[in-house]
Amino acid sequence: MRLEGKVALITGAAAGVQGEVMGFGGAAAWLFAGEGAKLVLTDILEEQGRRTESQLREQGYDAVFTKLDVTSESDWEAAIKLTIDTYGKLDILVNNAGTGGRMLLMETTEEAWDAQMDVHAKGAFLGMKYAVPEMRKAGGGSIINVSSIYGLVGSRTSTAYHAAKGASRIISKSAAIQYAGEGIRVNSIHPGFCRTPMTNASYQDPEHYEPLLERIPMGRVGNPEELAQGMLYLASDESSYVTGAEIVIDGGVTAT
C-alpha cells in the first residue's frame, strides 16, 4: 500500500476502462487505487470517464470523476474544490492530459501551435497553480508532469508537440526549485513509443509499425502500465529525495 492515505488527482484519466486499450492516466488510476490512493479522475471525455469511475468503484476503490478541460482556469478551480470537498486534501497531481500533432514546421498553423501549447504547457501550469496551495496545507505533495521523449529530443515531425512537451519539462524544473523547501516535489516523466488509444490505430499499419520497432533498442513498444509504474514511484514516498528530475521510460530510444 505505497499510497495509503493519499489523495491523487489525475488528468486525462478517462481511458481506464478494463478490456479496452488504456491511456497513461487510466493505467495510473488502477495502479494508484491498488496501492491505497483515493482518486479524482478528470478528462474532457465524460462518458468514458464515468465508465472508468464505475469500474473502479465496483472493485471497491474510492474514486470520483469530474469533467475537466485543462486549458480552463475555472475548470481547474472547480476540480480542486471537488477534491477538497470530497477528500479533504490533495497529495498527488498527475498532469497527464495530452493530444498529438504530427506536423512539420511549415505545415503548423497558428491554431495548431496554440492548441498544443495550451494543453501541454498551460494545462501543466494551471494544474500546479491550483494544486500547490492545497499541498502546502497538506504539508507537502508530489506533482508529476507527463512530458515525452519528444520533450528531450527532436524528430522530423511534430514541431508544436515538441515545443509544448519541452515546455512541460522545463516548467517542472522551475516549480521544483521554487517549492522544494515546502516539501512539494515536481518531476517530469518522459514516455517513449507506447500503445495507447492515441497511437493504437497507427500501430495497426505494418508500414508505420515495423520501422518504428527498428528505432527501439528493446524491439517493442511500451504499455501504459509500464509508464504508470514510473508515476507510482514519483507519487510515493520512495522518491522523497527526488525533485526536478526526468524519468525516461522509452525502451532505450533516447540512448541511441
C-alpha atoms as a PDB file:
ATOM      1  CA  MET A   1       0.000   0.000   0.000  1.00  0.00           C
ATOM      2  CA  ARG A   2       2.543   2.536  -1.203  1.00  0.00           C
ATOM      3  CA  LEU A   3      -0.029   5.362  -1.473  1.00  0.00           C
ATOM      4  CA  GLU A   4      -2.184   4.550   1.536  1.00  0.00           C
ATOM      5  CA  GLY A   5      -3.951   7.633   2.853  1.00  0.00           C
ATOM      6  CA  LYS A   6      -3.012   9.779  -0.129  1.00  0.00           C
ATOM      7  CA  VAL A   7      -5.353  11.654  -2.472  1.00  0.00           C
ATOM      8  CA  ALA A   8      -4.456  11.889  -6.161  1.00  0.00           C
ATOM      9  CA  LEU A   9      -5.920  13.973  -8.976  1.00  0.00           C
ATOM     10  CA  ILE A  10      -5.145  12.598 -12.446  1.00  0.00           C
ATOM     11  CA  THR A  11      -5.917  14.469 -15.654  1.00  0.00           C
ATOM     12  CA  GLY A  12      -6.559  12.647 -18.912  1.00  0.00           C
ATOM     13  CA  ALA A  13      -7.775   9.639 -16.940  1.00  0.00           C
ATOM     14  CA  ALA A  14     -10.893   8.651 -18.891  1.00  0.00           C
ATOM     15  CA  ALA A  15      -9.206   5.841 -20.841  1.00  0.00           C
ATOM     16  CA  GLY A  16      -9.113   3.415 -17.935  1.00  0.00           C
ATOM     17  CA  VAL A  17     -11.865   1.001 -18.920  1.00  0.00           C
ATOM     18  CA  GLN A  18     -10.785  -2.588 -18.362  1.00  0.00           C
ATOM     19  CA  GLY A  19     -10.901  -4.673 -21.509  1.00  0.00           C
ATOM     20  CA  GLU A  20     -10.011  -1.677 -23.693  1.00  0.00           C
ATOM     21  CA  VAL A  21      -6.669  -0.090 -24.567  1.00  0.00           C
ATOM     22  CA  MET A  22      -5.817   2.192 -21.665  1.00  0.00           C
ATOM     23  CA  GLY A  23      -4.097   5.547 -21.604  1.00  0.00           C
ATOM     24  CA  PHE A  24      -1.381   6.537 -19.157  1.00  0.00           C
ATOM     25  CA  GLY A  25      -3.867   8.254 -16.856  1.00  0.00           C
ATOM     26  CA  GLY A  26      -6.254   5.315 -16.795  1.00  0.00           C
ATOM     27  CA  ALA A  27      -3.469   2.833 -16.091  1.00  0.00           C
ATOM     28  CA  ALA A  28      -2.152   5.076 -13.320  1.00  0.00           C
ATOM     29  CA  ALA A  29      -5.630   5.265 -11.785  1.00  0.00           C
ATOM     30  CA  TRP A  30      -5.837   1.487 -11.389  1.00  0.00           C
ATOM     31  CA  LEU A  31      -2.288   1.198 -10.082  1.00  0.00           C
ATOM     32  CA  PHE A  32      -2.688   4.089  -7.622  1.00  0.00           C
ATOM     33  CA  ALA A  33      -6.008   2.736  -6.382  1.00  0.00           C
ATOM     34  CA  GLY A  34      -4.498  -0.684  -5.795  1.00  0.00           C
ATOM     35  CA  GLU A  35      -1.799   0.988  -3.692  1.00  0.00           C
ATOM     36  CA  GLY A  36      -4.353   2.700  -1.451  1.00  0.00           C
ATOM     37  CA  ALA A  37      -4.894   6.125  -3.029  1.00  0.00           C
ATOM     38  CA  LYS A  38      -8.222   7.918  -3.224  1.00  0.00           C
ATOM     39  CA  LEU A  39      -8.733   9.238  -6.733  1.00  0.00           C
ATOM     40  CA  VAL A  40     -10.163  12.208  -8.552  1.00  0.00           C
ATOM     41  CA  LEU A  41     -10.278  11.270 -12.229  1.00  0.00           C
ATOM     42  CA  THR A  42     -10.612  14.071 -14.772  1.00  0.00           C
ATOM     43  CA  ASP A  43     -10.921  14.326 -18.542  1.00  0.00           C
ATOM     44  CA  ILE A  44     -12.948  16.033 -21.275  1.00  0.00           C
ATOM     45  CA  LEU A  45     -14.309  12.595 -22.291  1.00  0.00           C
ATOM     46  CA  GLU A  46     -17.105  12.383 -19.770  1.00  0.00           C
ATOM     47  CA  GLU A  47     -18.854   9.159 -20.850  1.00  0.00           C
ATOM     48  CA  GLN A  48     -15.635   7.141 -20.886  1.00  0.00           C
ATOM     49  CA  GLY A  49     -14.530   8.732 -17.631  1.00  0.00           C
ATOM     50  CA  ARG A  50     -17.768   7.713 -15.932  1.00  0.00           C
ATOM     51  CA  ARG A  51     -17.242   4.139 -17.097  1.00  0.00           C
ATOM     52  CA  THR A  52     -13.744   4.096 -15.617  1.00  0.00           C
ATOM     53  CA  GLU A  53     -15.063   5.578 -12.370  1.00  0.00           C
ATOM     54  CA  SER A  54     -17.805   2.947 -12.227  1.00  0.00           C
ATOM     55  CA  GLN A  55     -15.405   0.052 -12.748  1.00  0.00           C
ATOM     56  CA  LEU A  56     -13.048   1.318 -10.060  1.00  0.00           C
ATOM     57  CA  ARG A  57     -15.880   1.735  -7.576  1.00  0.00           C
ATOM     58  CA  GLU A  58     -17.231  -1.726  -8.400  1.00  0.00           C
ATOM     59  CA  GLN A  59     -13.827  -3.095  -7.398  1.00  0.00           C
ATOM     60  CA  GLY A  60     -14.124  -1.337  -4.047  1.00  0.00           C
ATOM     61  CA  TYR A  61     -11.859   1.619  -4.791  1.00  0.00           C
ATOM     62  CA  ASP A  62     -12.602   5.194  -3.736  1.00  0.00           C
ATOM     63  CA  ALA A  63     -12.788   7.266  -6.922  1.00  0.00           C
ATOM     64  CA  VAL A  64     -14.787  10.152  -8.360  1.00  0.00           C
ATOM     65  CA  PHE A  65     -14.818  11.569 -11.877  1.00  0.00           C
ATOM     66  CA  THR A  66     -15.290  15.168 -12.941  1.00  0.00           C
ATOM     67  CA  LYS A  67     -15.070  16.773 -16.354  1.00  0.00           C
ATOM     68  CA  LEU A  68     -12.014  18.994 -16.673  1.00  0.00           C
ATOM     69  CA  ASP A  69     -10.667  20.922 -19.637  1.00  0.00           C
ATOM     70  CA  VAL A  70      -7.076  21.522 -18.511  1.00  0.00           C
ATOM     71  CA  THR A  71      -6.895  24.746 -20.544  1.00  0.00           C
ATOM     72  CA  SER A  72      -9.703  26.302 -18.476  1.00  0.00           C
ATOM     73  CA  GLU A  73      -8.806  28.071 -15.234  1.00  0.00           C
ATOM     74  CA  SER A  74     -12.388  27.889 -13.964  1.00  0.00           C
ATOM     75  CA  ASP A  75     -12.451  24.125 -14.617  1.00  0.00           C
ATOM     76  CA  TRP A  76      -9.290  23.740 -12.546  1.00  0.00           C
ATOM     77  CA  GLU A  77     -10.763  25.755  -9.691  1.00  0.00           C
ATOM     78  CA  ALA A  78     -13.845  23.518  -9.721  1.00  0.00           C
ATOM     79  CA  ALA A  79     -11.833  20.277  -9.876  1.00  0.00           C
ATOM     80  CA  ILE A  80      -9.621  21.264  -6.965  1.00  0.00           C
ATOM     81  CA  LYS A  81     -12.668  22.354  -4.953  1.00  0.00           C
ATOM     82  CA  LEU A  82     -14.318  18.987  -5.621  1.00  0.00           C
ATOM     83  CA  THR A  83     -11.159  17.210  -4.474  1.00  0.00           C
ATOM     84  CA  ILE A  84     -11.041  19.108  -1.188  1.00  0.00           C
ATOM     85  CA  ASP A  85     -14.794  18.873  -0.605  1.00  0.00           C
ATOM     86  CA  THR A  86     -14.702  15.104  -1.207  1.00  0.00           C
ATOM     87  CA  TYR A  87     -11.446  14.017   0.399  1.00  0.00           C
ATOM     88  CA  GLY A  88     -10.246  16.987   2.450  1.00  0.00           C
ATOM     89  CA  LYS A  89      -6.797  17.324   0.878  1.00  0.00           C
ATOM     90  CA  LEU A  90      -4.621  16.818  -2.189  1.00  0.00           C
ATOM     91  CA  ASP A  91      -1.305  14.944  -2.078  1.00  0.00           C
ATOM     92  CA  ILE A  92      -0.614  13.991  -5.695  1.00  0.00           C
ATOM     93  CA  LEU A  93      -1.248  15.706  -9.019  1.00  0.00           C
ATOM     94  CA  VAL A  94      -0.607  13.925 -12.307  1.00  0.00           C
ATOM     95  CA  ASN A  95      -0.748  16.364 -15.228  1.00  0.00           C
ATOM     96  CA  ASN A  96      -1.277  13.733 -17.904  1.00  0.00           C
ATOM     97  CA  ALA A  97      -3.837  15.184 -20.334  1.00  0.00           C
ATOM     98  CA  GLY A  98      -2.449  15.439 -23.837  1.00  0.00           C
ATOM     99  CA  THR A  99      -3.047  15.461 -27.568  1.00  0.00           C
ATOM    100  CA  GLY A 100      -0.943  14.569 -30.597  1.00  0.00           C
ATOM    101  CA  GLY A 101       0.118  16.641 -33.576  1.00  0.00           C
ATOM    102  CA  ARG A 102       2.356  15.302 -36.358  1.00  0.00           C
ATOM    103  CA  MET A 103       3.051  18.408 -38.442  1.00  0.00           C
ATOM    104  CA  LEU A 104       6.222  19.845 -39.931  1.00  0.00           C
ATOM    105  CA  LEU A 105       7.153  23.401 -39.006  1.00  0.00           C
ATOM    106  CA  MET A 106       5.863  24.863 -42.270  1.00  0.00           C
ATOM    107  CA  GLU A 107       2.645  22.840 -42.002  1.00  0.00           C
ATOM    108  CA  THR A 108       1.900  24.014 -38.462  1.00  0.00           C
ATOM    109  CA  THR A 109      -0.865  26.590 -38.277  1.00  0.00           C
ATOM    110  CA  GLU A 110      -1.090  29.168 -35.526  1.00  0.00           C
ATOM    111  CA  GLU A 111      -4.210  27.392 -34.288  1.00  0.00           C
ATOM    112  CA  ALA A 112      -2.419  24.030 -34.121  1.00  0.00           C
ATOM    113  CA  TRP A 113       0.530  25.610 -32.307  1.00  0.00           C
ATOM    114  CA  ASP A 114      -1.723  27.254 -29.729  1.00  0.00           C
ATOM    115  CA  ALA A 115      -3.668  24.041 -29.176  1.00  0.00           C
ATOM    116  CA  GLN A 116      -0.514  22.072 -28.338  1.00  0.00           C
ATOM    117  CA  MET A 117       0.868  24.756 -26.048  1.00  0.00           C
ATOM    118  CA  ASP A 118      -2.500  25.193 -24.317  1.00  0.00           C
ATOM    119  CA  VAL A 119      -2.933  21.529 -23.402  1.00  0.00           C
ATOM    120  CA  HIS A 120       0.633  20.564 -22.526  1.00  0.00           C
ATOM    121  CA  ALA A 121       2.167  23.773 -21.201  1.00  0.00           C
ATOM    122  CA  LYS A 122      -0.762  25.874 -19.986  1.00  0.00           C
ATOM    123  CA  GLY A 123      -2.509  22.763 -18.645  1.00  0.00           C
ATOM    124  CA  ALA A 124       0.515  21.842 -16.519  1.00  0.00           C
ATOM    125  CA  PHE A 125       0.892  25.460 -15.372  1.00  0.00           C
ATOM    126  CA  LEU A 126      -2.733  25.791 -14.269  1.00  0.00           C
ATOM    127  CA  GLY A 127      -2.708  22.409 -12.562  1.00  0.00           C
ATOM    128  CA  MET A 128       0.318  23.334 -10.481  1.00  0.00           C
ATOM    129  CA  LYS A 129      -1.012  26.819  -9.759  1.00  0.00           C
ATOM    130  CA  TYR A 130      -4.122  25.403  -8.103  1.00  0.00           C
ATOM    131  CA  ALA A 131      -2.563  22.284  -6.575  1.00  0.00           C
ATOM    132  CA  VAL A 132       0.330  23.950  -4.762  1.00  0.00           C
ATOM    133  CA  PRO A 133      -1.792  25.883  -2.207  1.00  0.00           C
ATOM    134  CA  GLU A 134      -3.584  22.670  -1.193  1.00  0.00           C
ATOM    135  CA  MET A 135      -0.322  20.722  -0.984  1.00  0.00           C
ATOM    136  CA  ARG A 136       1.058  23.417   1.286  1.00  0.00           C
ATOM    137  CA  LYS A 137      -1.886  22.822   3.624  1.00  0.00           C
ATOM    138  CA  ALA A 138      -1.217  19.080   3.488  1.00  0.00           C
ATOM    139  CA  GLY A 139       2.455  19.589   4.407  1.00  0.00           C
ATOM    140  CA  GLY A 140       3.808  18.604   1.001  1.00  0.00           C
ATOM    141  CA  GLY A 141       2.983  16.660  -2.108  1.00  0.00           C
ATOM    142  CA  SER A 142       4.112  15.263  -5.430  1.00  0.00           C
ATOM    143  CA  ILE A 143       3.414  16.743  -8.865  1.00  0.00           C
ATOM    144  CA  ILE A 144       4.100  14.594 -11.926  1.00  0.00           C
ATOM    145  CA  ASN A 145       4.056  16.309 -15.309  1.00  0.00           C
ATOM    146  CA  VAL A 146       3.805  13.861 -18.198  1.00  0.00           C
ATOM    147  CA  SER A 147       6.097  15.125 -20.920  1.00  0.00           C
ATOM    148  CA  SER A 148       7.564  12.879 -23.638  1.00  0.00           C
ATOM    149  CA  ILE A 149      10.870  11.822 -25.133  1.00  0.00           C
ATOM    150  CA  TYR A 150       9.861  14.477 -27.669  1.00  0.00           C
ATOM    151  CA  GLY A 151      10.358  16.978 -24.863  1.00  0.00           C
ATOM    152  CA  LEU A 152      14.007  15.879 -24.769  1.00  0.00           C
ATOM    153  CA  VAL A 153      14.981  15.238 -28.391  1.00  0.00           C
ATOM    154  CA  GLY A 154      13.816  16.318 -31.824  1.00  0.00           C
ATOM    155  CA  SER A 155      12.291  14.437 -34.730  1.00  0.00           C
ATOM    156  CA  ARG A 156      11.356  15.072 -38.350  1.00  0.00           C
ATOM    157  CA  THR A 157       7.735  15.900 -37.442  1.00  0.00           C
ATOM    158  CA  SER A 158       5.549  17.123 -34.566  1.00  0.00           C
ATOM    159  CA  THR A 159       7.034  20.613 -34.276  1.00  0.00           C
ATOM    160  CA  ALA A 160       4.434  22.113 -31.936  1.00  0.00           C
ATOM    161  CA  TYR A 161       4.203  18.906 -29.912  1.00  0.00           C
ATOM    162  CA  HIS A 162       7.973  19.024 -29.300  1.00  0.00           C
ATOM    163  CA  ALA A 163       7.779  22.634 -28.175  1.00  0.00           C
ATOM    164  CA  ALA A 164       4.854  22.001 -25.844  1.00  0.00           C
ATOM    165  CA  LYS A 165       6.342  18.883 -24.271  1.00  0.00           C
ATOM    166  CA  GLY A 166       9.642  20.703 -23.839  1.00  0.00           C
ATOM    167  CA  ALA A 167       7.762  23.441 -22.030  1.00  0.00           C
ATOM    168  CA  SER A 168       6.174  20.969 -19.600  1.00  0.00           C
ATOM    169  CA  ARG A 169       9.649  19.559 -18.916  1.00  0.00           C
ATOM    170  CA  ILE A 170      11.276  22.875 -18.087  1.00  0.00           C
ATOM    171  CA  ILE A 171       8.373  24.283 -16.069  1.00  0.00           C
ATOM    172  CA  SER A 172       8.674  21.175 -13.901  1.00  0.00           C
ATOM    173  CA  LYS A 173      12.250  22.122 -13.042  1.00  0.00           C
ATOM    174  CA  SER A 174      11.314  25.714 -12.322  1.00  0.00           C
ATOM    175  CA  ALA A 175       8.481  24.711  -9.987  1.00  0.00           C
ATOM    176  CA  ALA A 176      10.650  22.042  -8.342  1.00  0.00           C
ATOM    177  CA  ILE A 177      13.172  24.662  -7.277  1.00  0.00           C
ATOM    178  CA  GLN A 178      10.511  27.094  -6.102  1.00  0.00           C
ATOM    179  CA  TYR A 179       8.718  24.637  -3.809  1.00  0.00           C
ATOM    180  CA  ALA A 180      11.421  22.172  -2.747  1.00  0.00           C
ATOM    181  CA  GLY A 181      11.689  23.823   0.661  1.00  0.00           C
ATOM    182  CA  GLU A 182       7.986  23.243   1.300  1.00  0.00           C
ATOM    183  CA  GLY A 183       8.049  19.511   0.719  1.00  0.00           C
ATOM    184  CA  ILE A 184       6.380  19.767  -2.693  1.00  0.00           C
ATOM    185  CA  ARG A 185       8.229  17.705  -5.288  1.00  0.00           C
ATOM    186  CA  VAL A 186       7.818  18.292  -9.024  1.00  0.00           C
ATOM    187  CA  ASN A 187       9.133  15.866 -11.617  1.00  0.00           C
ATOM    188  CA  SER A 188       8.547  15.082 -15.276  1.00  0.00           C
ATOM    189  CA  ILE A 189       8.086  11.688 -16.845  1.00  0.00           C
ATOM    190  CA  HIS A 190       9.038  11.022 -20.459  1.00  0.00           C
ATOM    191  CA  PRO A 191       7.287   8.167 -22.255  1.00  0.00           C
ATOM    192  CA  GLY A 192       8.653   6.724 -25.443  1.00  0.00           C
ATOM    193  CA  PHE A 193       6.554   4.870 -28.006  1.00  0.00           C
ATOM    194  CA  CYS A 194       3.670   3.164 -26.200  1.00  0.00           C
ATOM    195  CA  ARG A 195       0.389   1.558 -27.194  1.00  0.00           C
ATOM    196  CA  THR A 196      -2.425   3.870 -26.074  1.00  0.00           C
ATOM    197  CA  PRO A 197      -5.764   4.959 -27.558  1.00  0.00           C
ATOM    198  CA  MET A 198      -3.873   7.797 -29.249  1.00  0.00           C
ATOM    199  CA  THR A 199      -1.364   5.510 -31.024  1.00  0.00           C
ATOM    200  CA  ASN A 200      -3.176   2.184 -31.351  1.00  0.00           C
ATOM    201  CA  ALA A 201      -4.706   2.853 -34.768  1.00  0.00           C
ATOM    202  CA  SER A 202      -1.405   3.799 -36.392  1.00  0.00           C
ATOM    203  CA  TYR A 203       0.292   0.750 -34.851  1.00  0.00           C
ATOM    204  CA  GLN A 204      -2.087  -1.460 -36.832  1.00  0.00           C
ATOM    205  CA  ASP A 205      -0.346  -0.317 -40.036  1.00  0.00           C
ATOM    206  CA  PRO A 206       2.746  -2.506 -40.691  1.00  0.00           C
ATOM    207  CA  GLU A 207       4.303   0.213 -42.872  1.00  0.00           C
ATOM    208  CA  HIS A 208       4.331   2.503 -39.848  1.00  0.00           C
ATOM    209  CA  TYR A 209       4.799  -0.022 -37.056  1.00  0.00           C
ATOM    210  CA  GLU A 210       7.703  -2.124 -38.352  1.00  0.00           C
ATOM    211  CA  PRO A 211      10.064   0.817 -38.994  1.00  0.00           C
ATOM    212  CA  LEU A 212       9.065   2.168 -35.572  1.00  0.00           C
ATOM    213  CA  LEU A 213      10.195  -1.032 -33.860  1.00  0.00           C
ATOM    214  CA  GLU A 214      13.587  -0.706 -35.548  1.00  0.00           C
ATOM    215  CA  ARG A 215      14.094   2.570 -33.688  1.00  0.00           C
ATOM    216  CA  ILE A 216      13.553   0.947 -30.269  1.00  0.00           C
ATOM    217  CA  PRO A 217      16.568  -0.959 -28.876  1.00  0.00           C
ATOM    218  CA  MET A 218      14.288  -3.240 -26.821  1.00  0.00           C
ATOM    219  CA  GLY A 219      12.411  -4.136 -30.012  1.00  0.00           C
ATOM    220  CA  ARG A 220       8.890  -3.426 -28.779  1.00  0.00           C
ATOM    221  CA  VAL A 221       6.598  -0.566 -27.840  1.00  0.00           C
ATOM    222  CA  GLY A 222       5.752   0.026 -24.210  1.00  0.00           C
ATOM    223  CA  ASN A 223       2.418  -0.325 -22.493  1.00  0.00           C
ATOM    224  CA  PRO A 224       0.635   2.174 -20.239  1.00  0.00           C
ATOM    225  CA  GLU A 225       1.136   0.032 -17.130  1.00  0.00           C
ATOM    226  CA  GLU A 226       4.903   0.355 -17.508  1.00  0.00           C
ATOM    227  CA  LEU A 227       4.567   4.128 -17.588  1.00  0.00           C
ATOM    228  CA  ALA A 228       2.252   4.043 -14.590  1.00  0.00           C
ATOM    229  CA  GLN A 229       4.918   2.242 -12.562  1.00  0.00           C
ATOM    230  CA  GLY A 230       7.167   5.262 -13.030  1.00  0.00           C
ATOM    231  CA  MET A 231       4.361   7.550 -11.940  1.00  0.00           C
ATOM    232  CA  LEU A 232       3.789   5.393  -8.874  1.00  0.00           C
ATOM    233  CA  TYR A 233       7.433   5.745  -7.856  1.00  0.00           C
ATOM    234  CA  LEU A 234       7.277   9.532  -8.173  1.00  0.00           C
ATOM    235  CA  ALA A 235       3.946   9.689  -6.336  1.00  0.00           C
ATOM    236  CA  SER A 236       5.140   7.558  -3.434  1.00  0.00           C
ATOM    237  CA  ASP A 237       7.379   8.438  -0.507  1.00  0.00           C
ATOM    238  CA  GLU A 238      10.050   6.191  -2.054  1.00  0.00           C
ATOM    239  CA  SER A 239      11.026   9.183  -4.192  1.00  0.00           C
ATOM    240  CA  SER A 240      11.141  11.586  -1.240  1.00  0.00           C
ATOM    241  CA  TYR A 241      14.559  12.964  -2.310  1.00  0.00           C
ATOM    242  CA  VAL A 242      13.660  13.264  -5.994  1.00  0.00           C
ATOM    243  CA  THR A 243      12.593  16.616  -7.419  1.00  0.00           C
ATOM    244  CA  GLY A 244      13.295  18.409 -10.664  1.00  0.00           C
ATOM    245  CA  ALA A 245      14.157  15.079 -12.247  1.00  0.00           C
ATOM    246  CA  GLU A 246      13.305  13.476 -15.585  1.00  0.00           C
ATOM    247  CA  ILE A 247      12.193   9.845 -15.584  1.00  0.00           C
ATOM    248  CA  VAL A 248      12.617   8.434 -19.098  1.00  0.00           C
ATOM    249  CA  ILE A 249      10.717   5.231 -19.950  1.00  0.00           C
ATOM    250  CA  ASP A 250      11.363   4.561 -23.625  1.00  0.00           C
ATOM    251  CA  GLY A 251      12.913   1.152 -24.244  1.00  0.00           C
ATOM    252  CA  GLY A 252      16.273   2.794 -24.916  1.00  0.00           C
ATOM    253  CA  VAL A 253      15.237   5.142 -27.751  1.00  0.00           C
ATOM    254  CA  THR A 254      16.962   8.231 -26.384  1.00  0.00           C
ATOM    255  CA  ALA A 255      20.096   6.245 -25.504  1.00  0.00           C
ATOM    256  CA  THR A 256      20.925   5.737 -29.181  1.00  0.00           C
END
